[in-house]
Amino acid sequence: MKESSLDFCPVPTEQQPVNEYEELKESWFFRWGMLEPLAYFKKLAWVAFFGLFLIAPIAAASFPPQKALFKFLLSNVLGISIFTGLVLMRLYLGWLYVCDRLQSEKVFYEESGWYDGQTWIKTPEILARDRLIVTYQIQPILTRLQKTVLFLGVMIALSSFLSLCL
């Protein structure tokens, strides 16, 4: 019986890009990128709220709220934006890694350890399947994350500019 090109893959199961994608999709943290917009922004709001508890004491030590309320608020916005941006960067880099592995014609894998790396060239069928996954599943996630990071970048720039003007 002839083995189909989709069945044959020398890459260990846990290192196959499509399985890495499925694992990422089911992960508690990385699943955030796939949520509906309202649920996604709720998760980010919780991250920002948690960040407030870390950032507010530092901001209060730098700018006492009784004396410099506006600078205190601006430093909180700046700190929360940076904190949330770091969380989003981790999310983005995880999805980008899997995206790159799916789009690549070659898959680097390790058979038993770091010292015996191999490269496998994907068959046209597997490459087409993987690129469809990228186009219709991962690219929208990356686009959403990029837009969110851009918004946070604007918040960081705006709060930095306003704090310099004071």
Protein backbone atom coordinates (compact mmCIF):
# COMPACT_ATOMS: atom_id res chain seq x y z
CA MET A 1 0.00 0.00 0.00
CA LYS A 2 1.36 3.40 -0.99
CA GLU A 3 1.96 5.84 1.85
CA SER A 4 0.57 9.33 1.23
CA SER A 5 2.91 12.31 1.46
CA LEU A 6 0.83 13.67 4.35
CA ASP A 7 1.45 10.49 6.34
CA PHE A 8 5.22 10.39 5.96
CA CYS A 9 7.17 12.90 7.99
CA PRO A 10 10.48 12.04 9.71
CA VAL A 11 10.08 14.95 12.14
CA PRO A 12 9.14 13.80 15.67
CA THR A 13 5.46 14.39 16.37
CA GLU A 14 5.97 17.10 19.00
CA GLN A 15 8.30 19.05 16.66
CA GLN A 16 6.04 19.03 13.60
CA PRO A 17 4.90 22.60 12.90
CA VAL A 18 1.22 21.66 12.57
CA ASN A 19 1.35 19.94 15.98
CA GLU A 20 3.14 22.93 17.49
CA TYR A 21 0.30 25.07 16.11
CA GLU A 22 -2.33 22.79 17.67
CA GLU A 23 -0.49 22.86 20.99
CA LEU A 24 -0.29 26.66 20.90
CA LYS A 25 -3.98 26.88 20.03
CA GLU A 26 -4.90 24.85 23.11
CA SER A 27 -2.51 26.65 25.46
CA TRP A 28 -4.14 28.77 28.17
CA PHE A 29 -2.04 31.86 27.43
CA PHE A 30 -1.61 31.67 23.65
CA ARG A 31 -5.29 31.01 23.10
CA TRP A 32 -5.92 34.67 24.01
CA GLY A 33 -5.05 35.68 20.46
CA MET A 34 -7.91 33.57 19.11
CA LEU A 35 -10.60 34.94 21.42
CA GLU A 36 -13.50 37.08 20.28
CA PRO A 37 -12.67 40.81 20.51
CA LEU A 38 -14.57 41.44 23.75
CA ALA A 39 -13.01 38.45 25.53
CA TYR A 40 -9.57 39.42 24.19
CA PHE A 41 -9.85 42.95 25.54
CA LYS A 42 -11.13 41.63 28.88
CA LYS A 43 -7.98 39.53 29.21
CA LEU A 44 -5.85 42.57 28.40
CA ALA A 45 -7.82 44.63 30.91
CA TRP A 46 -7.02 42.04 33.59
CA VAL A 47 -3.33 42.20 32.65
CA ALA A 48 -3.46 46.01 32.91
CA PHE A 49 -5.31 45.81 36.24
CA PHE A 50 -2.70 43.41 37.61
CA GLY A 51 0.01 45.69 36.26
CA LEU A 52 -1.54 48.59 38.14
CA PHE A 53 -0.80 46.83 41.44
CA LEU A 54 2.84 46.50 40.41
CA ILE A 55 3.24 49.94 38.88
CA ALA A 56 1.21 52.19 41.23
CA PRO A 57 3.54 51.88 44.26
CA ILE A 58 6.55 52.72 42.08
CA ALA A 59 4.72 55.66 40.53
CA ALA A 60 3.59 56.85 43.98
CA ALA A 61 7.17 56.75 45.26
CA SER A 62 8.33 58.77 42.26
CA PHE A 63 5.43 61.21 42.09
CA PRO A 64 3.38 61.46 45.29
CA PRO A 65 -0.29 61.67 44.25
CA GLN A 66 -0.95 64.48 46.74
CA LYS A 67 1.69 66.71 45.13
CA ALA A 68 1.82 65.66 41.46
CA LEU A 69 -1.40 63.83 40.61
CA PHE A 70 -1.12 64.30 36.84
CA LYS A 71 2.48 62.97 36.70
CA PHE A 72 1.46 60.09 38.95
CA LEU A 73 -1.38 59.18 36.56
CA LEU A 74 0.84 59.55 33.49
CA SER A 75 3.52 57.33 34.99
CA ASN A 76 0.87 54.73 35.76
CA VAL A 77 -0.35 54.82 32.15
CA LEU A 78 3.22 54.53 30.94
CA GLY A 79 4.06 51.63 33.26
CA ILE A 80 0.84 49.74 32.58
CA SER A 81 1.31 50.17 28.84
CA ILE A 82 4.85 48.82 29.02
CA PHE A 83 3.80 45.91 31.24
CA THR A 84 0.90 45.00 28.96
CA GLY A 85 3.15 45.43 25.93
CA LEU A 86 5.63 42.92 27.34
CA VAL A 87 2.85 40.38 27.85
CA LEU A 88 1.64 41.01 24.30
CA MET A 89 5.16 40.64 22.93
CA ARG A 90 5.43 37.19 24.49
CA LEU A 91 2.11 36.28 22.92
CA TYR A 92 3.20 37.68 19.56
CA LEU A 93 6.58 35.94 19.54
CA GLY A 94 5.00 32.57 20.29
CA TRP A 95 2.60 32.88 17.37
CA LEU A 96 5.32 34.28 15.11
CA TYR A 97 7.59 31.30 15.83
CA VAL A 98 4.90 28.83 14.82
CA CYS A 99 4.00 30.97 11.79
CA ASP A 100 7.60 30.91 10.61
CA ARG A 101 7.84 27.13 11.09
CA LEU A 102 4.62 26.58 9.14
CA GLN A 103 5.61 28.91 6.27
CA SER A 104 9.12 27.54 5.88
CA GLU A 105 9.82 24.96 3.19
CA LYS A 106 12.33 23.28 5.48
CA VAL A 107 11.78 22.03 9.01
CA PHE A 108 14.71 21.83 11.39
CA TYR A 109 14.27 19.18 14.05
CA GLU A 110 16.24 17.25 16.63
CA GLU A 111 16.07 13.48 16.77
CA SER A 112 17.35 12.93 20.29
CA GLY A 113 19.18 16.07 21.38
CA TRP A 114 20.74 19.37 20.38
CA TYR A 115 23.75 17.66 18.81
CA ASP A 116 21.95 15.72 16.08
CA GLY A 117 19.81 18.29 14.30
CA GLN A 118 18.30 17.40 10.94
CA THR A 119 16.47 19.30 8.22
CA TRP A 120 13.46 17.95 6.37
CA ILE A 121 12.04 19.52 3.21
CA LYS A 122 8.25 19.58 3.28
CA THR A 123 6.29 17.94 0.51
CA PRO A 124 4.18 20.29 -1.65
CA GLU A 125 0.97 19.02 -0.02
CA ILE A 126 2.21 19.62 3.51
CA LEU A 127 3.62 23.02 2.56
CA ALA A 128 0.29 24.04 0.98
CA ARG A 129 -1.65 22.88 4.06
CA ASP A 130 0.70 24.70 6.41
CA ARG A 131 0.56 27.92 4.43
CA LEU A 132 -3.24 27.80 4.41
CA ILE A 133 -3.16 27.53 8.20
CA VAL A 134 -0.89 30.59 8.30
CA THR A 135 -3.07 32.60 5.95
CA TYR A 136 -6.46 31.87 7.50
CA GLN A 137 -5.68 31.11 11.15
CA ILE A 138 -2.42 32.70 12.29
CA GLN A 139 -2.16 35.87 10.19
CA PRO A 140 -5.36 37.38 11.68
CA ILE A 141 -3.99 36.71 15.18
CA LEU A 142 -0.68 38.38 14.35
CA THR A 143 -2.48 41.34 12.80
CA ARG A 144 -4.63 41.82 15.92
CA LEU A 145 -1.58 41.61 18.17
CA GLN A 146 0.32 44.10 16.00
CA LYS A 147 -2.55 46.58 16.15
CA THR A 148 -2.78 46.22 19.93
CA VAL A 149 0.96 46.74 20.35
CA LEU A 150 0.76 49.77 18.06
CA PHE A 151 -2.00 51.23 20.24
CA LEU A 152 0.12 50.63 23.35
CA GLY A 153 3.09 52.24 21.61
CA VAL A 154 0.99 55.33 20.95
CA MET A 155 -0.06 55.34 24.62
CA ILE A 156 3.58 55.10 25.70
CA ALA A 157 4.67 57.88 23.34
CA LEU A 158 1.76 60.12 24.34
CA SER A 159 2.24 59.67 28.09
CA SER A 160 6.01 60.15 27.71
CA PHE A 161 5.50 63.32 25.71
CA LEU A 162 2.98 64.72 28.19
CA SER A 163 5.22 63.96 31.14
CA LEU A 164 8.13 65.75 29.46
CA CYS A 165 5.95 68.80 28.85
CA LEU A 166 5.15 69.11 32.55
